[in-house]
Structures are given as structure tokens and as C-alpha cells.
PDB file of all heavy atoms in Angstrom:
ATOM      1  N   GLY A   1       0.776  -1.200  -0.079  1.00  0.00           N
ATOM      2  CA  GLY A   1       0.005  -0.002  -0.008  1.00  0.00           C
ATOM      3  C   GLY A   1       0.842   1.261  -0.015  1.00  0.00           C
ATOM      4  O   GLY A   1       0.428   2.350  -0.422  1.00  0.00           O
ATOM      5  N   ALA A   2       2.133   1.215   0.463  1.00  0.00           N
ATOM      6  CA  ALA A   2       2.957   2.326   0.462  1.00  0.00           C
ATOM      7  C   ALA A   2       3.936   2.259  -0.673  1.00  0.00           C
ATOM      8  O   ALA A   2       4.361   3.277  -1.186  1.00  0.00           O
ATOM      9  CB  ALA A   2       3.742   2.387   1.712  1.00  0.00           C
ATOM     10  N   TYR A   3       4.367   1.115  -1.110  1.00  0.00           N
ATOM     11  CA  TYR A   3       5.377   0.920  -2.194  1.00  0.00           C
ATOM     12  C   TYR A   3       4.834   0.922  -3.590  1.00  0.00           C
ATOM     13  O   TYR A   3       5.556   0.904  -4.594  1.00  0.00           O
ATOM     14  CB  TYR A   3       6.086  -0.386  -2.035  1.00  0.00           C
ATOM     15  CG  TYR A   3       7.210  -0.317  -0.920  1.00  0.00           C
ATOM     16  CD1 TYR A   3       6.890  -0.223   0.413  1.00  0.00           C
ATOM     17  CD2 TYR A   3       8.605  -0.293  -1.267  1.00  0.00           C
ATOM     18  CE1 TYR A   3       7.925  -0.256   1.342  1.00  0.00           C
ATOM     19  CE2 TYR A   3       9.545  -0.346  -0.398  1.00  0.00           C
ATOM     20  CZ  TYR A   3       9.257  -0.296   0.992  1.00  0.00           C
ATOM     21  OH  TYR A   3      10.289  -0.301   1.958  1.00  0.00           O
ATOM     22  N   ARG A   4       3.514   1.137  -3.726  1.00  0.00           N
ATOM     23  CA  ARG A   4       2.884   0.932  -5.098  1.00  0.00           C
ATOM     24  C   ARG A   4       2.867   2.260  -5.932  1.00  0.00           C
ATOM     25  O   ARG A   4       2.408   2.170  -7.121  1.00  0.00           O
ATOM     26  CB  ARG A   4       1.452   0.497  -4.941  1.00  0.00           C
ATOM     27  CG  ARG A   4       0.544   1.457  -4.176  1.00  0.00           C
ATOM     28  CD  ARG A   4      -0.902   0.888  -4.131  1.00  0.00           C
ATOM     29  NE  ARG A   4      -1.754   1.765  -3.362  1.00  0.00           N
ATOM     30  CZ  ARG A   4      -2.352   2.814  -3.881  1.00  0.00           C
ATOM     31  NH1 ARG A   4      -2.178   3.149  -5.212  1.00  0.00           N
ATOM     32  NH2 ARG A   4      -3.191   3.541  -3.144  1.00  0.00           N
ATOM     33  N   VAL A   5       3.219   3.358  -5.378  1.00  0.00           N
ATOM     34  CA  VAL A   5       3.058   4.662  -6.110  1.00  0.00           C
ATOM     35  C   VAL A   5       4.162   4.981  -7.051  1.00  0.00           C
ATOM     36  O   VAL A   5       5.224   4.354  -7.083  1.00  0.00           O
ATOM     37  CB  VAL A   5       2.852   5.758  -5.113  1.00  0.00           C
ATOM     38  CG1 VAL A   5       1.555   5.565  -4.323  1.00  0.00           C
ATOM     39  CG2 VAL A   5       4.032   5.873  -4.172  1.00  0.00           C
ATOM     40  N   HIS A   6       3.946   5.983  -7.936  1.00  0.00           N
ATOM     41  CA  HIS A   6       4.843   6.375  -9.070  1.00  0.00           C
ATOM     42  C   HIS A   6       6.261   6.474  -8.718  1.00  0.00           C
ATOM     43  O   HIS A   6       7.061   5.726  -9.388  1.00  0.00           O
ATOM     44  CB  HIS A   6       4.307   7.620  -9.706  1.00  0.00           C
ATOM     45  CG  HIS A   6       2.958   7.610 -10.109  1.00  0.00           C
ATOM     46  ND1 HIS A   6       1.816   7.447  -9.349  1.00  0.00           N
ATOM     47  CD2 HIS A   6       2.346   7.666 -11.490  1.00  0.00           C
ATOM     48  CE1 HIS A   6       0.701   7.497  -9.993  1.00  0.00           C
ATOM     49  NE2 HIS A   6       0.919   7.731 -11.340  1.00  0.00           N
ATOM     50  N   PRO A   7       6.735   7.366  -7.812  1.00  0.00           N
ATOM     51  CA  PRO A   7       8.164   7.504  -7.611  1.00  0.00           C
ATOM     52  C   PRO A   7       8.841   6.299  -7.078  1.00  0.00           C
ATOM     53  O   PRO A   7       9.965   6.150  -7.260  1.00  0.00           O
ATOM     54  CB  PRO A   7       8.301   8.712  -6.705  1.00  0.00           C
ATOM     55  CG  PRO A   7       6.905   8.903  -6.088  1.00  0.00           C
ATOM     56  CD  PRO A   7       5.900   8.360  -7.038  1.00  0.00           C
ATOM     57  N   VAL A   8       8.142   5.461  -6.334  1.00  0.00           N
ATOM     58  CA  VAL A   8       8.725   4.252  -5.733  1.00  0.00           C
ATOM     59  C   VAL A   8       8.866   3.263  -6.820  1.00  0.00           C
ATOM     60  O   VAL A   8       9.886   2.649  -6.992  1.00  0.00           O
ATOM     61  CB  VAL A   8       7.908   3.771  -4.591  1.00  0.00           C
ATOM     62  CG1 VAL A   8       8.490   2.553  -4.017  1.00  0.00           C
ATOM     63  CG2 VAL A   8       7.629   4.724  -3.507  1.00  0.00           C
ATOM     64  N   GLU A   9       7.776   3.135  -7.657  1.00  0.00           N
ATOM     65  CA  GLU A   9       7.901   2.137  -8.761  1.00  0.00           C
ATOM     66  C   GLU A   9       9.162   2.536  -9.727  1.00  0.00           C
ATOM     67  O   GLU A   9       9.908   1.746 -10.203  1.00  0.00           O
ATOM     68  CB  GLU A   9       6.688   2.094  -9.634  1.00  0.00           C
ATOM     69  CG  GLU A   9       6.757   1.088 -10.831  1.00  0.00           C
ATOM     70  CD  GLU A   9       5.472   0.939 -11.497  1.00  0.00           C
ATOM     71  OE1 GLU A   9       4.398   1.307 -10.922  1.00  0.00           O
ATOM     72  OE2 GLU A   9       5.526   0.478 -12.693  1.00  0.00           O
ATOM     73  N   TRP A  10       9.255   3.822  -9.965  1.00  0.00           N
ATOM     74  CA  TRP A  10      10.386   4.366 -10.740  1.00  0.00           C
ATOM     75  C   TRP A  10      11.723   3.908 -10.015  1.00  0.00           C
ATOM     76  O   TRP A  10      12.659   3.426 -10.717  1.00  0.00           O
ATOM     77  CB  TRP A  10      10.315   5.803 -10.855  1.00  0.00           C
ATOM     78  CG  TRP A  10      11.452   6.442 -11.739  1.00  0.00           C
ATOM     79  CD1 TRP A  10      12.640   6.806 -11.332  1.00  0.00           C
ATOM     80  CD2 TRP A  10      11.299   6.713 -13.111  1.00  0.00           C
ATOM     81  NE1 TRP A  10      13.407   7.253 -12.348  1.00  0.00           N
ATOM     82  CE2 TRP A  10      12.548   7.275 -13.511  1.00  0.00           C
ATOM     83  CE3 TRP A  10      10.370   6.586 -14.123  1.00  0.00           C
ATOM     84  CZ2 TRP A  10      12.856   7.663 -14.819  1.00  0.00           C
ATOM     85  CZ3 TRP A  10      10.642   7.024 -15.443  1.00  0.00           C
ATOM     86  CH2 TRP A  10      11.899   7.568 -15.735  1.00  0.00           C
ATOM     87  N   SER A  11      11.811   4.114  -8.721  1.00  0.00           N
ATOM     88  CA  SER A  11      13.020   3.837  -8.027  1.00  0.00           C
ATOM     89  C   SER A  11      13.329   2.316  -8.050  1.00  0.00           C
ATOM     90  O   SER A  11      14.579   2.029  -8.101  1.00  0.00           O
ATOM     91  CB  SER A  11      12.959   4.304  -6.568  1.00  0.00           C
ATOM     92  OG  SER A  11      12.898   5.765  -6.550  1.00  0.00           O
ATOM     93  N   VAL A  12      12.329   1.531  -7.966  1.00  0.00           N
ATOM     94  CA  VAL A  12      12.613   0.071  -7.961  1.00  0.00           C
ATOM     95  C   VAL A  12      13.130  -0.257  -9.328  1.00  0.00           C
ATOM     96  O   VAL A  12      14.097  -1.008  -9.477  1.00  0.00           O
ATOM     97  CB  VAL A  12      11.280  -0.594  -7.685  1.00  0.00           C
ATOM     98  CG1 VAL A  12      11.429  -2.195  -7.972  1.00  0.00           C
ATOM     99  CG2 VAL A  12      10.848  -0.507  -6.300  1.00  0.00           C
ATOM    100  N   GLY A  13      12.564   0.250 -10.414  1.00  0.00           N
ATOM    101  CA  GLY A  13      12.955  -0.078 -11.787  1.00  0.00           C
ATOM    102  C   GLY A  13      14.410   0.463 -11.993  1.00  0.00           C
ATOM    103  O   GLY A  13      15.216  -0.187 -12.561  1.00  0.00           O
ATOM    104  N   GLU A  14      14.679   1.729 -11.507  1.00  0.00           N
ATOM    105  CA  GLU A  14      16.049   2.248 -11.613  1.00  0.00           C
ATOM    106  C   GLU A  14      17.103   1.318 -10.960  1.00  0.00           C
ATOM    107  O   GLU A  14      18.179   1.154 -11.492  1.00  0.00           O
ATOM    108  CB  GLU A  14      16.146   3.655 -11.144  1.00  0.00           C
ATOM    109  CG  GLU A  14      17.509   4.282 -11.334  1.00  0.00           C
ATOM    110  CD  GLU A  14      17.432   5.862 -11.322  1.00  0.00           C
ATOM    111  OE1 GLU A  14      16.275   6.398 -11.174  1.00  0.00           O
ATOM    112  OE2 GLU A  14      18.546   6.487 -11.410  1.00  0.00           O
ATOM    113  N   ALA A  15      16.739   0.904  -9.755  1.00  0.00           N
ATOM    114  CA  ALA A  15      17.636   0.052  -9.017  1.00  0.00           C
ATOM    115  C   ALA A  15      17.938  -1.295  -9.735  1.00  0.00           C
ATOM    116  O   ALA A  15      18.990  -1.763  -9.842  1.00  0.00           O
ATOM    117  CB  ALA A  15      17.111  -0.202  -7.625  1.00  0.00           C
ATOM    118  N   ALA A  16      16.838  -1.851 -10.323  1.00  0.00           N
ATOM    119  CA  ALA A  16      16.954  -3.080 -11.020  1.00  0.00           C
ATOM    120  C   ALA A  16      17.740  -2.889 -12.259  1.00  0.00           C
ATOM    121  O   ALA A  16      18.537  -3.799 -12.542  1.00  0.00           O
ATOM    122  CB  ALA A  16      15.537  -3.635 -11.390  1.00  0.00           C
ATOM    123  N   GLY A  17      17.557  -1.873 -13.081  1.00  0.00           N
ATOM    124  CA  GLY A  17      18.345  -1.682 -14.277  1.00  0.00           C
ATOM    125  C   GLY A  17      19.758  -1.427 -13.947  1.00  0.00           C
ATOM    126  O   GLY A  17      20.670  -1.894 -14.668  1.00  0.00           O
ATOM    127  N   THR A  18      20.040  -0.633 -12.912  1.00  0.00           N
ATOM    128  CA  THR A  18      21.492  -0.476 -12.464  1.00  0.00           C
ATOM    129  C   THR A  18      22.118  -1.746 -11.968  1.00  0.00           C
ATOM    130  O   THR A  18      23.243  -1.985 -12.297  1.00  0.00           O
ATOM    131  CB  THR A  18      21.485   0.595 -11.416  1.00  0.00           C
ATOM    132  OG1 THR A  18      20.804   1.821 -11.813  1.00  0.00           O
ATOM    133  CG2 THR A  18      22.901   0.945 -10.864  1.00  0.00           C
ATOM    134  N   LEU A  19      21.364  -2.514 -11.171  1.00  0.00           N
ATOM    135  CA  LEU A  19      21.950  -3.815 -10.616  1.00  0.00           C
ATOM    136  C   LEU A  19      22.246  -4.748 -11.814  1.00  0.00           C
ATOM    137  O   LEU A  19      23.292  -5.447 -11.736  1.00  0.00           O
ATOM    138  CB  LEU A  19      20.926  -4.318  -9.678  1.00  0.00           C
ATOM    139  CG  LEU A  19      21.227  -5.818  -9.109  1.00  0.00           C
ATOM    140  CD1 LEU A  19      22.579  -5.650  -8.316  1.00  0.00           C
ATOM    141  CD2 LEU A  19      20.063  -6.312  -8.280  1.00  0.00           C
ATOM    142  N   ALA A  20      21.383  -4.826 -12.765  1.00  0.00           N
ATOM    143  CA  ALA A  20      21.582  -5.772 -13.864  1.00  0.00           C
ATOM    144  C   ALA A  20      22.865  -5.361 -14.633  1.00  0.00           C
ATOM    145  O   ALA A  20      23.730  -6.215 -15.001  1.00  0.00           O
ATOM    146  CB  ALA A  20      20.431  -5.824 -14.877  1.00  0.00           C
ATOM    147  N   ALA A  21      23.048  -4.070 -14.940  1.00  0.00           N
ATOM    148  CA  ALA A  21      24.209  -3.596 -15.623  1.00  0.00           C
ATOM    149  C   ALA A  21      25.521  -3.854 -14.762  1.00  0.00           C
ATOM    150  O   ALA A  21      26.547  -4.257 -15.309  1.00  0.00           O
ATOM    151  CB  ALA A  21      24.085  -2.160 -15.976  1.00  0.00           C
ATOM    152  N   PHE A  22      25.361  -3.583 -13.562  1.00  0.00           N
ATOM    153  CA  PHE A  22      26.516  -3.765 -12.590  1.00  0.00           C
ATOM    154  C   PHE A  22      26.911  -5.243 -12.538  1.00  0.00           C
ATOM    155  O   PHE A  22      28.130  -5.542 -12.623  1.00  0.00           O
ATOM    156  CB  PHE A  22      26.038  -3.348 -11.162  1.00  0.00           C
ATOM    157  CG  PHE A  22      27.074  -3.450 -10.086  1.00  0.00           C
ATOM    158  CD1 PHE A  22      27.921  -2.426  -9.851  1.00  0.00           C
ATOM    159  CD2 PHE A  22      27.149  -4.573  -9.379  1.00  0.00           C
ATOM    160  CE1 PHE A  22      28.905  -2.484  -8.803  1.00  0.00           C
ATOM    161  CE2 PHE A  22      28.116  -4.720  -8.330  1.00  0.00           C
ATOM    162  CZ  PHE A  22      28.971  -3.622  -8.098  1.00  0.00           C
ATOM    163  N   CYS A  23      25.931  -6.160 -12.435  1.00  0.00           N
ATOM    164  CA  CYS A  23      26.176  -7.542 -12.399  1.00  0.00           C
ATOM    165  C   CYS A  23      26.859  -8.057 -13.729  1.00  0.00           C
ATOM    166  O   CYS A  23      27.910  -8.879 -13.697  1.00  0.00           O
ATOM    167  CB  CYS A  23      25.041  -8.361 -12.174  1.00  0.00           C
ATOM    168  SG  CYS A  23      24.380  -8.212 -10.369  1.00  0.00           S
ATOM    169  N   LEU A  24      26.434  -7.546 -14.835  1.00  0.00           N
ATOM    170  CA  LEU A  24      27.006  -7.960 -16.159  1.00  0.00           C
ATOM    171  C   LEU A  24      28.375  -7.414 -16.277  1.00  0.00           C
ATOM    172  O   LEU A  24      29.346  -8.168 -16.851  1.00  0.00           O
ATOM    173  CB  LEU A  24      26.120  -7.333 -17.256  1.00  0.00           C
ATOM    174  CG  LEU A  24      24.866  -8.013 -17.617  1.00  0.00           C
ATOM    175  CD1 LEU A  24      23.881  -7.170 -18.504  1.00  0.00           C
ATOM    176  CD2 LEU A  24      25.093  -9.408 -18.209  1.00  0.00           C
ATOM    177  N   GLU A  25      28.674  -6.217 -15.856  1.00  0.00           N
ATOM    178  CA  GLU A  25      29.968  -5.625 -15.919  1.00  0.00           C
ATOM    179  C   GLU A  25      30.989  -6.399 -15.157  1.00  0.00           C
ATOM    180  O   GLU A  25      32.201  -6.517 -15.556  1.00  0.00           O
ATOM    181  CB  GLU A  25      29.872  -4.185 -15.565  1.00  0.00           C
ATOM    182  CG  GLU A  25      31.134  -3.338 -15.889  1.00  0.00           C
ATOM    183  CD  GLU A  25      31.130  -3.129 -17.373  1.00  0.00           C
ATOM    184  OE1 GLU A  25      30.075  -3.098 -18.084  1.00  0.00           O
ATOM    185  OE2 GLU A  25      32.293  -2.937 -17.927  1.00  0.00           O
ATOM    186  N   ARG A  26      30.638  -6.905 -14.003  1.00  0.00           N
ATOM    187  CA  ARG A  26      31.598  -7.477 -13.012  1.00  0.00           C
ATOM    188  C   ARG A  26      31.434  -9.081 -12.940  1.00  0.00           C
ATOM    189  O   ARG A  26      32.242  -9.701 -12.225  1.00  0.00           O
ATOM    190  CB  ARG A  26      31.342  -6.859 -11.661  1.00  0.00           C
ATOM    191  CG  ARG A  26      31.831  -5.410 -11.527  1.00  0.00           C
ATOM    192  CD  ARG A  26      31.156  -4.616 -10.503  1.00  0.00           C
ATOM    193  NE  ARG A  26      31.472  -3.228 -10.494  1.00  0.00           N
ATOM    194  CZ  ARG A  26      31.081  -2.307 -11.289  1.00  0.00           C
ATOM    195  NH1 ARG A  26      30.183  -2.712 -12.230  1.00  0.00           N
ATOM    196  NH2 ARG A  26      31.498  -1.152 -11.285  1.00  0.00           N
ATOM    197  N   GLY A  27      30.451  -9.609 -13.626  1.00  0.00           N
ATOM    198  CA  GLY A  27      30.445 -11.066 -13.734  1.00  0.00           C
ATOM    199  C   GLY A  27      29.975 -11.672 -12.388  1.00  0.00           C
ATOM    200  O   GLY A  27      30.374 -12.810 -11.960  1.00  0.00           O
ATOM    201  N   VAL A  28      29.113 -10.943 -11.625  1.00  0.00           N
ATOM    202  CA  VAL A  28      28.661 -11.438 -10.333  1.00  0.00           C
ATOM    203  C   VAL A  28      27.106 -11.492 -10.370  1.00  0.00           C
ATOM    204  O   VAL A  28      26.459 -10.964 -11.299  1.00  0.00           O
ATOM    205  CB  VAL A  28      29.124 -10.509  -9.171  1.00  0.00           C
ATOM    206  CG1 VAL A  28      30.576 -10.502  -9.107  1.00  0.00           C
ATOM    207  CG2 VAL A  28      28.575  -9.095  -9.323  1.00  0.00           C
ATOM    208  N   SER A  29      26.471 -12.191  -9.470  1.00  0.00           N
ATOM    209  CA  SER A  29      25.022 -12.364  -9.335  1.00  0.00           C
ATOM    210  C   SER A  29      24.455 -11.342  -8.460  1.00  0.00           C
ATOM    211  O   SER A  29      25.227 -10.774  -7.432  1.00  0.00           O
ATOM    212  CB  SER A  29      24.703 -13.649  -8.871  1.00  0.00           C
ATOM    213  OG  SER A  29      25.018 -13.867  -7.466  1.00  0.00           O
ATOM    214  N   PRO A  30      23.209 -10.895  -8.577  1.00  0.00           N
ATOM    215  CA  PRO A  30      22.564  -9.984  -7.567  1.00  0.00           C
ATOM    216  C   PRO A  30      22.718 -10.547  -6.128  1.00  0.00           C
ATOM    217  O   PRO A  30      22.967  -9.679  -5.183  1.00  0.00           O
ATOM    218  CB  PRO A  30      21.151  -9.919  -7.986  1.00  0.00           C
ATOM    219  CG  PRO A  30      21.176 -10.145  -9.564  1.00  0.00           C
ATOM    220  CD  PRO A  30      22.366 -11.257  -9.649  1.00  0.00           C
ATOM    221  N   ARG A  31      22.542 -11.765  -6.021  1.00  0.00           N
ATOM    222  CA  ARG A  31      22.629 -12.348  -4.566  1.00  0.00           C
ATOM    223  C   ARG A  31      23.965 -12.082  -4.013  1.00  0.00           C
ATOM    224  O   ARG A  31      24.191 -11.777  -2.877  1.00  0.00           O
ATOM    225  CB  ARG A  31      22.226 -13.872  -4.648  1.00  0.00           C
ATOM    226  CG  ARG A  31      21.858 -14.397  -3.391  1.00  0.00           C
ATOM    227  CD  ARG A  31      21.409 -15.818  -3.457  1.00  0.00           C
ATOM    228  NE  ARG A  31      20.660 -16.158  -4.607  1.00  0.00           N
ATOM    229  CZ  ARG A  31      19.325 -15.877  -4.819  1.00  0.00           C
ATOM    230  NH1 ARG A  31      18.694 -15.365  -3.755  1.00  0.00           N
ATOM    231  NH2 ARG A  31      18.732 -16.226  -5.819  1.00  0.00           N
ATOM    232  N   ALA A  32      25.095 -12.360  -4.848  1.00  0.00           N
ATOM    233  CA  ALA A  32      26.425 -12.168  -4.335  1.00  0.00           C
ATOM    234  C   ALA A  32      26.700 -10.636  -4.099  1.00  0.00           C
ATOM    235  O   ALA A  32      27.451 -10.361  -3.094  1.00  0.00           O
ATOM    236  CB  ALA A  32      27.403 -12.630  -5.457  1.00  0.00           C
ATOM    237  N   VAL A  33      26.117  -9.811  -4.908  1.00  0.00           N
ATOM    238  CA  VAL A  33      26.234  -8.390  -4.526  1.00  0.00           C
ATOM    239  C   VAL A  33      25.801  -8.075  -3.117  1.00  0.00           C
ATOM    240  O   VAL A  33      26.395  -7.361  -2.295  1.00  0.00           O
ATOM    241  CB  VAL A  33      25.594  -7.534  -5.585  1.00  0.00           C
ATOM    242  CG1 VAL A  33      25.597  -6.013  -5.162  1.00  0.00           C
ATOM    243  CG2 VAL A  33      26.270  -7.654  -6.974  1.00  0.00           C
ATOM    244  N   ARG A  34      24.609  -8.523  -2.797  1.00  0.00           N
ATOM    245  CA  ARG A  34      23.882  -8.161  -1.565  1.00  0.00           C
ATOM    246  C   ARG A  34      24.763  -8.795  -0.389  1.00  0.00           C
ATOM    247  O   ARG A  34      24.847  -8.243   0.662  1.00  0.00           O
ATOM    248  CB  ARG A  34      22.480  -8.672  -1.542  1.00  0.00           C
ATOM    249  CG  ARG A  34      21.858  -8.398  -0.234  1.00  0.00           C
ATOM    250  CD  ARG A  34      20.320  -8.757  -0.201  1.00  0.00           C
ATOM    251  NE  ARG A  34      19.727  -8.244   1.106  1.00  0.00           N
ATOM    252  CZ  ARG A  34      19.354  -9.212   2.046  1.00  0.00           C
ATOM    253  NH1 ARG A  34      19.481 -10.483   1.886  1.00  0.00           N
ATOM    254  NH2 ARG A  34      18.775  -8.615   3.099  1.00  0.00           N
ATOM    255  N   ASN A  35      25.247  -9.975  -0.564  1.00  0.00           N
ATOM    256  CA  ASN A  35      25.886 -10.688   0.501  1.00  0.00           C
ATOM    257  C   ASN A  35      27.410 -10.609   0.543  1.00  0.00           C
ATOM    258  O   ASN A  35      28.053 -11.261   1.341  1.00  0.00           O
ATOM    259  CB  ASN A  35      25.523 -12.153   0.430  1.00  0.00           C
ATOM    260  CG  ASN A  35      23.941 -12.399   0.645  1.00  0.00           C
ATOM    261  OD1 ASN A  35      23.513 -11.974   1.648  1.00  0.00           O
ATOM    262  ND2 ASN A  35      23.194 -12.931  -0.327  1.00  0.00           N
ATOM    263  N   THR A  36      27.947  -9.651  -0.271  1.00  0.00           N
ATOM    264  CA  THR A  36      29.339  -9.409  -0.291  1.00  0.00           C
ATOM    265  C   THR A  36      29.508  -7.834   0.024  1.00  0.00           C
ATOM    266  O   THR A  36      29.220  -7.051  -0.799  1.00  0.00           O
ATOM    267  CB  THR A  36      30.059  -9.668  -1.673  1.00  0.00           C
ATOM    268  OG1 THR A  36      29.752 -11.027  -1.964  1.00  0.00           O
ATOM    269  CG2 THR A  36      31.527  -9.477  -1.507  1.00  0.00           C
ATOM    270  N   PRO A  37      29.975  -7.566   1.299  1.00  0.00           N
ATOM    271  CA  PRO A  37      29.981  -6.098   1.652  1.00  0.00           C
ATOM    272  C   PRO A  37      30.617  -5.162   0.671  1.00  0.00           C
ATOM    273  O   PRO A  37      30.265  -4.037   0.418  1.00  0.00           O
ATOM    274  CB  PRO A  37      30.622  -6.167   3.009  1.00  0.00           C
ATOM    275  CG  PRO A  37      30.337  -7.491   3.505  1.00  0.00           C
ATOM    276  CD  PRO A  37      30.365  -8.453   2.431  1.00  0.00           C
ATOM    277  N   ALA A  38      31.772  -5.607   0.074  1.00  0.00           N
ATOM    278  CA  ALA A  38      32.526  -4.761  -0.732  1.00  0.00           C
ATOM    279  C   ALA A  38      31.762  -4.499  -2.081  1.00  0.00           C
ATOM    280  O   ALA A  38      31.743  -3.385  -2.566  1.00  0.00           O
ATOM    281  CB  ALA A  38      33.901  -5.308  -1.067  1.00  0.00           C
ATOM    282  N   ARG A  39      31.108  -5.585  -2.510  1.00  0.00           N
ATOM    283  CA  ARG A  39      30.283  -5.382  -3.795  1.00  0.00           C
ATOM    284  C   ARG A  39      29.068  -4.478  -3.486  1.00  0.00           C
ATOM    285  O   ARG A  39      28.591  -3.630  -4.353  1.00  0.00           O
ATOM    286  CB  ARG A  39      29.852  -6.790  -4.297  1.00  0.00           C
ATOM    287  CG  ARG A  39      30.957  -7.584  -4.920  1.00  0.00           C
ATOM    288  CD  ARG A  39      31.500  -6.900  -6.159  1.00  0.00           C
ATOM    289  NE  ARG A  39      32.367  -7.905  -6.896  1.00  0.00           N
ATOM    290  CZ  ARG A  39      33.137  -7.544  -7.866  1.00  0.00           C
ATOM    291  NH1 ARG A  39      33.376  -6.246  -8.123  1.00  0.00           N
ATOM    292  NH2 ARG A  39      33.990  -8.406  -8.474  1.00  0.00           N
ATOM    293  N   LEU A  40      28.336  -4.689  -2.409  1.00  0.00           N
ATOM    294  CA  LEU A  40      27.280  -3.894  -2.000  1.00  0.00           C
ATOM    295  C   LEU A  40      27.616  -2.451  -1.897  1.00  0.00           C
ATOM    296  O   LEU A  40      26.946  -1.571  -2.424  1.00  0.00           O
ATOM    297  CB  LEU A  40      26.651  -4.396  -0.583  1.00  0.00           C
ATOM    298  CG  LEU A  40      25.486  -3.644  -0.194  1.00  0.00           C
ATOM    299  CD1 LEU A  40      24.312  -3.526  -1.128  1.00  0.00           C
ATOM    300  CD2 LEU A  40      24.978  -4.176   1.147  1.00  0.00           C
ATOM    301  N   ASP A  41      28.807  -2.150  -1.314  1.00  0.00           N
ATOM    302  CA  ASP A  41      29.272  -0.785  -1.118  1.00  0.00           C
ATOM    303  C   ASP A  41      29.532  -0.139  -2.507  1.00  0.00           C
ATOM    304  O   ASP A  41      29.187   0.973  -2.850  1.00  0.00           O
ATOM    305  CB  ASP A  41      30.514  -0.744  -0.253  1.00  0.00           C
ATOM    306  CG  ASP A  41      30.945   0.617  -0.101  1.00  0.00           C
ATOM    307  OD1 ASP A  41      30.337   1.448   0.647  1.00  0.00           O
ATOM    308  OD2 ASP A  41      32.082   0.956  -0.620  1.00  0.00           O
ATOM    309  N   GLU A  42      30.084  -0.984  -3.389  1.00  0.00           N
ATOM    310  CA  GLU A  42      30.390  -0.523  -4.767  1.00  0.00           C
ATOM    311  C   GLU A  42      28.993  -0.203  -5.559  1.00  0.00           C
ATOM    312  O   GLU A  42      28.994   0.851  -6.196  1.00  0.00           O
ATOM    313  CB  GLU A  42      31.113  -1.639  -5.534  1.00  0.00           C
ATOM    314  CG  GLU A  42      31.748  -1.142  -6.865  1.00  0.00           C
ATOM    315  CD  GLU A  42      32.549  -2.288  -7.527  1.00  0.00           C
ATOM    316  OE1 GLU A  42      32.618  -3.430  -6.975  1.00  0.00           O
ATOM    317  OE2 GLU A  42      33.046  -1.988  -8.595  1.00  0.00           O
ATOM    318  N   LEU A  43      28.105  -1.037  -5.394  1.00  0.00           N
ATOM    319  CA  LEU A  43      26.689  -0.771  -6.043  1.00  0.00           C
ATOM    320  C   LEU A  43      26.078   0.419  -5.451  1.00  0.00           C
ATOM    321  O   LEU A  43      25.635   1.329  -6.278  1.00  0.00           O
ATOM    322  CB  LEU A  43      25.879  -2.050  -5.849  1.00  0.00           C
ATOM    323  CG  LEU A  43      24.374  -1.764  -6.329  1.00  0.00           C
ATOM    324  CD1 LEU A  43      24.339  -1.616  -7.904  1.00  0.00           C
ATOM    325  CD2 LEU A  43      23.461  -2.858  -5.856  1.00  0.00           C
ATOM    326  N   GLN A  44      26.128   0.556  -4.228  1.00  0.00           N
ATOM    327  CA  GLN A  44      25.510   1.719  -3.584  1.00  0.00           C
ATOM    328  C   GLN A  44      26.224   3.053  -3.929  1.00  0.00           C
ATOM    329  O   GLN A  44      25.580   4.069  -4.183  1.00  0.00           O
ATOM    330  CB  GLN A  44      25.476   1.571  -2.012  1.00  0.00           C
ATOM    331  CG  GLN A  44      24.471   0.436  -1.611  1.00  0.00           C
ATOM    332  CD  GLN A  44      24.466   0.288  -0.137  1.00  0.00           C
ATOM    333  OE1 GLN A  44      25.555   0.184   0.555  1.00  0.00           O
ATOM    334  NE2 GLN A  44      23.324   0.044   0.451  1.00  0.00           N
ATOM    335  N   SER A  45      27.474   3.008  -4.095  1.00  0.00           N
ATOM    336  CA  SER A  45      28.316   4.184  -4.447  1.00  0.00           C
ATOM    337  C   SER A  45      27.872   4.577  -5.881  1.00  0.00           C
ATOM    338  O   SER A  45      27.821   5.744  -6.230  1.00  0.00           O
ATOM    339  CB  SER A  45      29.829   3.857  -4.365  1.00  0.00           C
ATOM    340  OG  SER A  45      30.204   3.645  -3.029  1.00  0.00           O
TER     341      SER A  45
END
């Protein structure tokens, strides 16, 4: 009920597109990004 609105949907899509490109560039999986502190910090940066 809170996550369904326009700017949040946009942010989810932007995060997904960025994550996919990031994983392709570095040859890692989304799960590995989340569970590897250095990779997570790199994505967030």
C-alpha cells in the first residue's frame, strides 16, 4: 500500500536496471552483490 506509487515504482525499476548492468559488468550475481559487503558498497556508491 505504500510501495505501489509512481516515484517508488520508478526507483525500484532504476535500481533493477542499475543492478543488472552492474552484475553484467563485473560477472557477479545480484545475490552475491547483496551478500558481499565490498560489492554492495560498490553498487550503492
